[in-house]
Each structure stands twice: as C-alpha cells, then as structure tokens.
Amino acid sequence: MDAGEREGLTTEERQRLRELERENRKLRQEREILKAAAAFFAQETNGTR
C-alpha cells in the first residue's frame, strides 16, 4: 500500500483505472455488437435481405 508520498496515482487509483478501462473496452465492444445487430434486424424488417 502506498504512503501517499509519490506524485501521481496511488496503487488503488491505478488499479481502479485499469478496471474502468477494461469495463469501458467491454462496453464499447458490446455497443458495436448491438449496433450491428440493430442494422441486421433493420434490414430484415425492411425486406432488404
């Protein structure tokens, strides 16, 4: 555990940042999948496929 004597982020803050970056990456991937699915179903509904 850090004593808070160094500049920058604490160990806990760095860990939380990594967790948030991982979650952000996952959410972006999920959003892209949902966009692709929505486009697919929109084409199906319009009879384009």
C-alpha atoms as a PDB file:
ATOM      1  CA  MET A   1       0.000   0.000   0.000  1.00  0.00           C
ATOM      2  CA  ASP A   2       1.254   3.493  -0.804  1.00  0.00           C
ATOM      3  CA  ALA A   3       2.070   6.037   1.867  1.00  0.00           C
ATOM      4  CA  GLY A   4       0.984   8.846  -0.467  1.00  0.00           C
ATOM      5  CA  GLU A   5       4.451  10.328  -0.775  1.00  0.00           C
ATOM      6  CA  ARG A   6       4.916   9.973  -4.532  1.00  0.00           C
ATOM      7  CA  GLU A   7       3.399  12.108  -7.249  1.00  0.00           C
ATOM      8  CA  GLY A   8       0.702  10.617  -9.427  1.00  0.00           C
ATOM      9  CA  LEU A   9      -1.865   7.950  -8.753  1.00  0.00           C
ATOM     10  CA  THR A  10      -1.924   5.674  -5.754  1.00  0.00           C
ATOM     11  CA  THR A  11      -1.830   1.912  -6.209  1.00  0.00           C
ATOM     12  CA  GLU A  12      -5.573   1.781  -5.549  1.00  0.00           C
ATOM     13  CA  GLU A  13      -6.248   4.530  -8.091  1.00  0.00           C
ATOM     14  CA  ARG A  14      -4.138   2.759 -10.731  1.00  0.00           C
ATOM     15  CA  GLN A  15      -5.991  -0.483 -10.069  1.00  0.00           C
ATOM     16  CA  ARG A  16      -9.371   1.255 -10.311  1.00  0.00           C
ATOM     17  CA  LEU A  17      -8.280   2.972 -13.535  1.00  0.00           C
ATOM     18  CA  ARG A  18      -7.320  -0.408 -15.045  1.00  0.00           C
ATOM     19  CA  GLU A  19     -10.702  -1.834 -14.008  1.00  0.00           C
ATOM     20  CA  LEU A  20     -12.562   1.105 -15.547  1.00  0.00           C
ATOM     21  CA  GLU A  21     -10.543   0.888 -18.767  1.00  0.00           C
ATOM     22  CA  ARG A  22     -11.314  -2.841 -19.002  1.00  0.00           C
ATOM     23  CA  GLU A  23     -15.012  -2.185 -18.393  1.00  0.00           C
ATOM     24  CA  ASN A  24     -15.006   0.638 -20.934  1.00  0.00           C
ATOM     25  CA  ARG A  25     -13.417  -1.642 -23.555  1.00  0.00           C
ATOM     26  CA  LYS A  26     -16.038  -4.335 -22.890  1.00  0.00           C
ATOM     27  CA  LEU A  27     -18.916  -1.847 -23.094  1.00  0.00           C
ATOM     28  CA  ARG A  28     -17.587  -0.461 -26.402  1.00  0.00           C
ATOM     29  CA  GLN A  29     -17.419  -3.991 -27.830  1.00  0.00           C
ATOM     30  CA  GLU A  30     -20.948  -4.732 -26.635  1.00  0.00           C
ATOM     31  CA  ARG A  31     -22.196  -1.478 -28.172  1.00  0.00           C
ATOM     32  CA  GLU A  32     -20.636  -2.385 -31.522  1.00  0.00           C
ATOM     33  CA  ILE A  33     -22.312  -5.806 -31.405  1.00  0.00           C
ATOM     34  CA  LEU A  34     -25.676  -4.200 -30.618  1.00  0.00           C
ATOM     35  CA  LYS A  35     -25.265  -1.674 -33.450  1.00  0.00           C
ATOM     36  CA  ALA A  36     -24.501  -4.490 -35.888  1.00  0.00           C
ATOM     37  CA  ALA A  37     -27.496  -6.494 -34.643  1.00  0.00           C
ATOM     38  CA  ALA A  38     -29.780  -3.457 -34.928  1.00  0.00           C
ATOM     39  CA  ALA A  39     -28.604  -2.848 -38.501  1.00  0.00           C
ATOM     40  CA  PHE A  40     -29.155  -6.511 -39.359  1.00  0.00           C
ATOM     41  CA  PHE A  41     -32.681  -6.543 -37.961  1.00  0.00           C
ATOM     42  CA  ALA A  42     -33.495  -3.218 -39.605  1.00  0.00           C
ATOM     43  CA  GLN A  43     -32.592  -4.755 -42.962  1.00  0.00           C
ATOM     44  CA  GLU A  44     -34.696  -7.811 -42.163  1.00  0.00           C
ATOM     45  CA  THR A  45     -37.671  -5.628 -41.246  1.00  0.00           C
ATOM     46  CA  ASN A  46     -37.337  -3.574 -44.425  1.00  0.00           C
ATOM     47  CA  GLY A  47     -37.159  -6.708 -46.540  1.00  0.00           C
ATOM     48  CA  THR A  48     -33.740  -5.742 -47.862  1.00  0.00           C
ATOM     49  CA  ARG A  49     -32.283  -9.159 -47.109  1.00  0.00           C
END
